N, C-alpha and C. Protein backbone atom coordinates (compact mmCIF):
# COMPACT_ATOMS: atom_id res chain seq x y z
N MET A 1 89.63 -69.75 21.55
CA MET A 1 90.35 -68.56 21.17
C MET A 1 91.38 -68.25 22.27
N PRO A 2 92.64 -68.03 21.90
CA PRO A 2 93.64 -67.73 22.92
C PRO A 2 93.40 -66.36 23.55
N SER A 3 93.70 -66.27 24.84
CA SER A 3 93.49 -64.99 25.50
C SER A 3 94.61 -64.02 25.13
N GLN A 4 94.25 -62.77 24.97
CA GLN A 4 95.21 -61.74 24.61
C GLN A 4 95.87 -61.21 25.88
N THR A 5 97.17 -61.11 25.86
CA THR A 5 97.89 -60.57 27.00
C THR A 5 97.84 -59.05 26.94
N ILE A 6 97.45 -58.45 28.05
CA ILE A 6 97.37 -57.00 28.14
C ILE A 6 98.73 -56.51 28.63
N LYS A 7 99.46 -55.85 27.74
CA LYS A 7 100.77 -55.32 28.10
C LYS A 7 100.70 -53.83 28.41
N SER A 8 99.68 -53.19 27.88
CA SER A 8 99.54 -51.74 28.00
C SER A 8 98.06 -51.40 28.04
N TYR A 9 97.75 -50.24 28.57
CA TYR A 9 96.36 -49.76 28.52
C TYR A 9 95.87 -49.66 27.08
N LYS A 10 96.79 -49.48 26.14
CA LYS A 10 96.42 -49.37 24.72
C LYS A 10 95.86 -50.68 24.18
N ASP A 11 96.13 -51.79 24.86
CA ASP A 11 95.59 -53.09 24.47
C ASP A 11 94.15 -53.29 24.93
N LEU A 12 93.67 -52.44 25.83
CA LEU A 12 92.32 -52.58 26.37
C LEU A 12 91.29 -52.09 25.35
N ILE A 13 90.34 -52.93 25.03
CA ILE A 13 89.30 -52.55 24.06
C ILE A 13 88.50 -51.36 24.57
N VAL A 14 88.27 -51.30 25.87
CA VAL A 14 87.51 -50.17 26.44
C VAL A 14 88.26 -48.86 26.23
N TRP A 15 89.59 -48.90 26.34
CA TRP A 15 90.38 -47.69 26.09
C TRP A 15 90.29 -47.32 24.61
N GLN A 16 90.41 -48.31 23.73
CA GLN A 16 90.34 -48.07 22.28
C GLN A 16 88.99 -47.46 21.90
N ARG A 17 87.91 -48.01 22.44
CA ARG A 17 86.57 -47.49 22.13
C ARG A 17 86.38 -46.08 22.69
N SER A 18 86.95 -45.83 23.86
CA SER A 18 86.80 -44.50 24.45
C SER A 18 87.60 -43.46 23.67
N ILE A 19 88.69 -43.86 23.05
CA ILE A 19 89.41 -42.96 22.15
C ILE A 19 88.54 -42.65 20.94
N GLN A 20 87.91 -43.68 20.38
CA GLN A 20 86.97 -43.46 19.26
C GLN A 20 85.85 -42.52 19.67
N LEU A 21 85.37 -42.68 20.90
CA LEU A 21 84.31 -41.83 21.41
C LEU A 21 84.78 -40.37 21.48
N SER A 22 85.97 -40.13 21.99
CA SER A 22 86.49 -38.76 22.07
C SER A 22 86.60 -38.13 20.68
N ILE A 23 87.11 -38.88 19.74
CA ILE A 23 87.23 -38.37 18.37
C ILE A 23 85.85 -38.05 17.80
N SER A 24 84.89 -38.92 18.06
CA SER A 24 83.52 -38.69 17.59
C SER A 24 82.92 -37.45 18.23
N ILE A 25 83.21 -37.23 19.50
CA ILE A 25 82.71 -36.03 20.20
C ILE A 25 83.31 -34.77 19.57
N TYR A 26 84.59 -34.80 19.27
CA TYR A 26 85.21 -33.63 18.63
C TYR A 26 84.57 -33.35 17.27
N LYS A 27 84.29 -34.41 16.51
CA LYS A 27 83.63 -34.23 15.21
C LYS A 27 82.22 -33.68 15.39
N LEU A 28 81.49 -34.21 16.37
CA LEU A 28 80.13 -33.76 16.64
C LEU A 28 80.11 -32.28 17.00
N THR A 29 81.02 -31.86 17.86
CA THR A 29 80.98 -30.49 18.39
C THR A 29 81.56 -29.44 17.44
N GLN A 30 82.17 -29.86 16.35
CA GLN A 30 82.70 -28.90 15.38
C GLN A 30 81.62 -27.97 14.84
N ASP A 31 80.39 -28.49 14.74
CA ASP A 31 79.29 -27.71 14.17
C ASP A 31 78.40 -27.05 15.23
N PHE A 32 78.79 -27.15 16.50
CA PHE A 32 78.00 -26.50 17.56
C PHE A 32 78.12 -24.99 17.40
N PRO A 33 77.14 -24.25 17.91
CA PRO A 33 77.23 -22.79 17.84
C PRO A 33 78.50 -22.28 18.53
N LYS A 34 79.09 -21.25 17.97
CA LYS A 34 80.32 -20.68 18.55
C LYS A 34 80.09 -20.19 19.98
N SER A 35 78.86 -19.80 20.28
CA SER A 35 78.53 -19.33 21.63
C SER A 35 78.67 -20.45 22.67
N GLU A 36 78.73 -21.70 22.21
CA GLU A 36 78.85 -22.85 23.12
C GLU A 36 80.29 -23.33 23.29
N LEU A 37 81.24 -22.61 22.68
CA LEU A 37 82.64 -23.06 22.72
C LEU A 37 83.11 -23.29 24.16
N TYR A 38 82.78 -22.37 25.06
CA TYR A 38 83.20 -22.52 26.46
C TYR A 38 82.10 -23.11 27.32
N GLY A 39 81.00 -23.49 26.70
CA GLY A 39 79.89 -24.11 27.41
C GLY A 39 79.84 -25.60 27.10
N LEU A 40 78.80 -25.99 26.42
CA LEU A 40 78.56 -27.41 26.16
C LEU A 40 79.65 -28.06 25.31
N THR A 41 80.19 -27.34 24.34
CA THR A 41 81.27 -27.90 23.51
C THR A 41 82.46 -28.28 24.38
N GLY A 42 82.90 -27.36 25.21
CA GLY A 42 84.04 -27.63 26.09
C GLY A 42 83.76 -28.74 27.08
N GLN A 43 82.56 -28.74 27.63
CA GLN A 43 82.18 -29.78 28.61
C GLN A 43 82.20 -31.17 27.97
N LEU A 44 81.60 -31.28 26.78
CA LEU A 44 81.58 -32.57 26.09
C LEU A 44 82.99 -33.05 25.78
N ARG A 45 83.81 -32.15 25.29
CA ARG A 45 85.18 -32.52 24.95
C ARG A 45 85.97 -32.94 26.19
N ARG A 46 85.86 -32.18 27.27
CA ARG A 46 86.60 -32.52 28.49
C ARG A 46 86.15 -33.86 29.07
N SER A 47 84.85 -34.07 29.14
CA SER A 47 84.38 -35.33 29.73
C SER A 47 84.75 -36.52 28.85
N SER A 48 84.73 -36.34 27.52
CA SER A 48 85.09 -37.46 26.64
C SER A 48 86.58 -37.79 26.75
N VAL A 49 87.43 -36.80 26.85
CA VAL A 49 88.86 -37.02 26.97
C VAL A 49 89.20 -37.63 28.34
N SER A 50 88.41 -37.31 29.33
CA SER A 50 88.63 -37.81 30.68
C SER A 50 88.46 -39.33 30.76
N ILE A 51 87.61 -39.89 29.92
CA ILE A 51 87.34 -41.33 30.00
C ILE A 51 88.60 -42.15 29.69
N PRO A 52 89.19 -42.04 28.48
CA PRO A 52 90.39 -42.85 28.22
C PRO A 52 91.58 -42.42 29.09
N SER A 53 91.62 -41.15 29.47
CA SER A 53 92.72 -40.68 30.32
C SER A 53 92.69 -41.38 31.68
N ASN A 54 91.51 -41.51 32.27
CA ASN A 54 91.40 -42.19 33.57
C ASN A 54 91.65 -43.68 33.45
N ILE A 55 91.23 -44.28 32.35
CA ILE A 55 91.52 -45.71 32.14
C ILE A 55 93.03 -45.92 32.08
N ALA A 56 93.71 -45.06 31.32
CA ALA A 56 95.17 -45.17 31.18
C ALA A 56 95.87 -44.93 32.52
N GLU A 57 95.45 -43.89 33.23
CA GLU A 57 96.09 -43.57 34.50
C GLU A 57 95.88 -44.70 35.51
N GLY A 58 94.67 -45.21 35.57
CA GLY A 58 94.38 -46.30 36.50
C GLY A 58 95.18 -47.55 36.18
N HIS A 59 95.33 -47.84 34.90
CA HIS A 59 96.09 -49.02 34.49
C HIS A 59 97.55 -48.91 34.91
N GLY A 60 98.05 -47.68 34.99
CA GLY A 60 99.43 -47.47 35.39
C GLY A 60 99.66 -47.44 36.89
N ARG A 61 98.61 -47.51 37.66
CA ARG A 61 98.74 -47.48 39.12
C ARG A 61 99.23 -48.82 39.66
N LEU A 62 99.64 -48.82 40.90
CA LEU A 62 100.30 -49.99 41.49
C LEU A 62 99.35 -50.97 42.16
N SER A 63 98.12 -50.55 42.43
CA SER A 63 97.22 -51.47 43.14
C SER A 63 95.88 -51.59 42.42
N THR A 64 95.22 -52.70 42.67
CA THR A 64 93.89 -52.93 42.11
C THR A 64 92.90 -51.90 42.61
N GLY A 65 93.05 -51.51 43.87
CA GLY A 65 92.17 -50.51 44.44
C GLY A 65 92.26 -49.18 43.72
N GLU A 66 93.49 -48.77 43.42
CA GLU A 66 93.66 -47.52 42.67
C GLU A 66 93.10 -47.65 41.26
N TYR A 67 93.32 -48.79 40.63
CA TYR A 67 92.80 -49.04 39.28
C TYR A 67 91.28 -48.92 39.29
N ARG A 68 90.66 -49.56 40.28
CA ARG A 68 89.20 -49.50 40.43
C ARG A 68 88.73 -48.05 40.58
N GLN A 69 89.46 -47.29 41.38
CA GLN A 69 89.10 -45.89 41.62
C GLN A 69 89.12 -45.10 40.30
N PHE A 70 90.15 -45.28 39.48
CA PHE A 70 90.24 -44.54 38.22
C PHE A 70 89.21 -45.03 37.20
N LEU A 71 88.90 -46.32 37.23
CA LEU A 71 87.82 -46.81 36.36
C LEU A 71 86.49 -46.20 36.80
N GLY A 72 86.34 -46.00 38.09
CA GLY A 72 85.14 -45.32 38.61
C GLY A 72 85.08 -43.87 38.12
N HIS A 73 86.22 -43.20 38.09
CA HIS A 73 86.26 -41.83 37.55
C HIS A 73 85.87 -41.83 36.07
N ALA A 74 86.38 -42.83 35.33
CA ALA A 74 86.04 -42.94 33.90
C ALA A 74 84.54 -43.17 33.73
N ARG A 75 83.98 -44.02 34.58
CA ARG A 75 82.54 -44.29 34.52
C ARG A 75 81.75 -43.02 34.84
N GLY A 76 82.21 -42.26 35.82
CA GLY A 76 81.55 -41.00 36.16
C GLY A 76 81.61 -40.00 35.01
N SER A 77 82.76 -39.91 34.36
CA SER A 77 82.90 -39.01 33.20
C SER A 77 81.99 -39.45 32.06
N ASN A 78 81.83 -40.75 31.91
CA ASN A 78 80.93 -41.25 30.87
C ASN A 78 79.48 -40.88 31.18
N GLY A 79 79.09 -40.95 32.44
CA GLY A 79 77.74 -40.53 32.83
C GLY A 79 77.53 -39.04 32.58
N GLU A 80 78.56 -38.26 32.88
CA GLU A 80 78.53 -36.83 32.61
C GLU A 80 78.37 -36.58 31.10
N LEU A 81 79.13 -37.31 30.31
CA LEU A 81 79.06 -37.19 28.86
C LEU A 81 77.66 -37.53 28.34
N GLN A 82 77.09 -38.61 28.85
CA GLN A 82 75.75 -39.01 28.40
C GLN A 82 74.72 -37.94 28.73
N THR A 83 74.84 -37.32 29.87
CA THR A 83 73.95 -36.23 30.25
C THR A 83 74.09 -35.05 29.28
N GLN A 84 75.33 -34.72 28.97
CA GLN A 84 75.59 -33.61 28.04
C GLN A 84 75.09 -33.92 26.64
N LEU A 85 75.16 -35.17 26.22
CA LEU A 85 74.64 -35.56 24.91
C LEU A 85 73.11 -35.40 24.86
N ILE A 86 72.45 -35.69 25.96
CA ILE A 86 71.00 -35.49 26.03
C ILE A 86 70.67 -34.00 25.87
N ILE A 87 71.44 -33.16 26.54
CA ILE A 87 71.22 -31.71 26.43
C ILE A 87 71.45 -31.25 25.00
N ALA A 88 72.54 -31.71 24.38
CA ALA A 88 72.84 -31.34 22.99
C ALA A 88 71.71 -31.77 22.06
N LYS A 89 71.19 -32.96 22.29
CA LYS A 89 70.10 -33.48 21.47
C LYS A 89 68.85 -32.62 21.63
N GLU A 90 68.53 -32.27 22.86
CA GLU A 90 67.35 -31.43 23.13
C GLU A 90 67.50 -30.03 22.54
N MET A 91 68.74 -29.54 22.48
CA MET A 91 69.00 -28.21 21.92
C MET A 91 69.14 -28.24 20.40
N LEU A 92 69.07 -29.45 19.81
CA LEU A 92 69.22 -29.67 18.37
C LEU A 92 70.61 -29.23 17.88
N TYR A 93 71.64 -29.50 18.70
CA TYR A 93 73.01 -29.21 18.33
C TYR A 93 73.63 -30.44 17.68
N GLY A 94 74.38 -30.24 16.62
CA GLY A 94 75.11 -31.33 15.99
C GLY A 94 74.27 -32.15 15.04
N ARG A 95 74.96 -32.88 14.20
CA ARG A 95 74.28 -33.75 13.24
C ARG A 95 73.69 -34.96 13.96
N PRO A 96 72.43 -35.27 13.68
CA PRO A 96 71.78 -36.40 14.36
C PRO A 96 72.53 -37.73 14.21
N ASP A 97 73.12 -37.99 13.05
CA ASP A 97 73.84 -39.26 12.86
C ASP A 97 75.09 -39.32 13.74
N LEU A 98 75.79 -38.20 13.88
CA LEU A 98 76.97 -38.17 14.75
C LEU A 98 76.57 -38.27 16.22
N LEU A 99 75.48 -37.61 16.56
CA LEU A 99 74.98 -37.67 17.93
C LEU A 99 74.62 -39.11 18.30
N LYS A 100 73.94 -39.80 17.41
CA LYS A 100 73.55 -41.20 17.66
C LYS A 100 74.79 -42.08 17.79
N SER A 101 75.78 -41.87 16.94
CA SER A 101 77.01 -42.63 17.00
C SER A 101 77.72 -42.44 18.35
N CYS A 102 77.74 -41.20 18.83
CA CYS A 102 78.34 -40.90 20.14
C CYS A 102 77.57 -41.59 21.26
N GLU A 103 76.26 -41.57 21.17
CA GLU A 103 75.43 -42.23 22.20
C GLU A 103 75.72 -43.73 22.24
N VAL A 104 75.79 -44.35 21.07
CA VAL A 104 76.05 -45.79 20.98
C VAL A 104 77.42 -46.13 21.56
N LEU A 105 78.44 -45.37 21.17
CA LEU A 105 79.79 -45.60 21.69
C LEU A 105 79.85 -45.40 23.20
N SER A 106 79.19 -44.37 23.69
CA SER A 106 79.18 -44.09 25.12
C SER A 106 78.51 -45.24 25.89
N ASN A 107 77.42 -45.75 25.36
CA ASN A 107 76.75 -46.88 26.01
C ASN A 107 77.65 -48.12 26.02
N GLU A 108 78.35 -48.35 24.91
CA GLU A 108 79.26 -49.49 24.81
C GLU A 108 80.40 -49.35 25.84
N VAL A 109 80.99 -48.18 25.90
CA VAL A 109 82.07 -47.92 26.85
C VAL A 109 81.55 -48.10 28.28
N GLY A 110 80.35 -47.61 28.55
CA GLY A 110 79.77 -47.76 29.87
C GLY A 110 79.59 -49.21 30.28
N MET A 111 79.11 -50.03 29.36
CA MET A 111 78.94 -51.46 29.67
C MET A 111 80.29 -52.13 29.93
N MET A 112 81.30 -51.76 29.15
CA MET A 112 82.63 -52.34 29.35
C MET A 112 83.23 -51.93 30.69
N LEU A 113 83.07 -50.66 31.04
CA LEU A 113 83.57 -50.20 32.34
C LEU A 113 82.87 -50.91 33.48
N ASN A 114 81.56 -51.08 33.38
CA ASN A 114 80.81 -51.80 34.42
C ASN A 114 81.31 -53.23 34.54
N ALA A 115 81.57 -53.89 33.41
CA ALA A 115 82.06 -55.27 33.43
C ALA A 115 83.46 -55.35 34.05
N MET A 116 84.31 -54.40 33.71
CA MET A 116 85.67 -54.39 34.29
C MET A 116 85.61 -54.19 35.80
N LEU A 117 84.78 -53.24 36.23
CA LEU A 117 84.65 -52.98 37.66
C LEU A 117 84.10 -54.20 38.38
N ALA A 118 83.12 -54.84 37.79
CA ALA A 118 82.54 -56.05 38.41
C ALA A 118 83.60 -57.16 38.53
N SER A 119 84.43 -57.32 37.51
CA SER A 119 85.44 -58.37 37.56
C SER A 119 86.53 -58.05 38.58
N LEU A 120 86.84 -56.77 38.75
CA LEU A 120 87.85 -56.38 39.75
C LEU A 120 87.30 -56.48 41.17
N ASN A 121 85.98 -56.37 41.31
CA ASN A 121 85.36 -56.46 42.63
C ASN A 121 85.15 -57.88 43.10
N SER A 122 85.22 -58.84 42.16
CA SER A 122 84.98 -60.24 42.56
C SER A 122 86.25 -60.99 42.86
């Protein structure tokens, strides 16, 4: 299979999946209690948007070290998101099928970020 040339951060599968994750988070949180708008709803949305944003920003940087740093920020935001999803699950917020879909996407994005960081470190 020929290798795909990465011309833009938009070509990165990890960025594409993290965009899907953000959209899924917005759908999940639509049904959260209104009292959580500035609490868990906002936190989930901010951390999910931070993941593809940091991937894009890092890709636009001039050095591998800076790219690694922003991928690390994305990985940190993903860990934050996973923690918040656990809290939402324990509080019985959101539809279980959407929650599960978000968890699966977050795990997938996390594995991809770890693989990218490992390849940049070697």
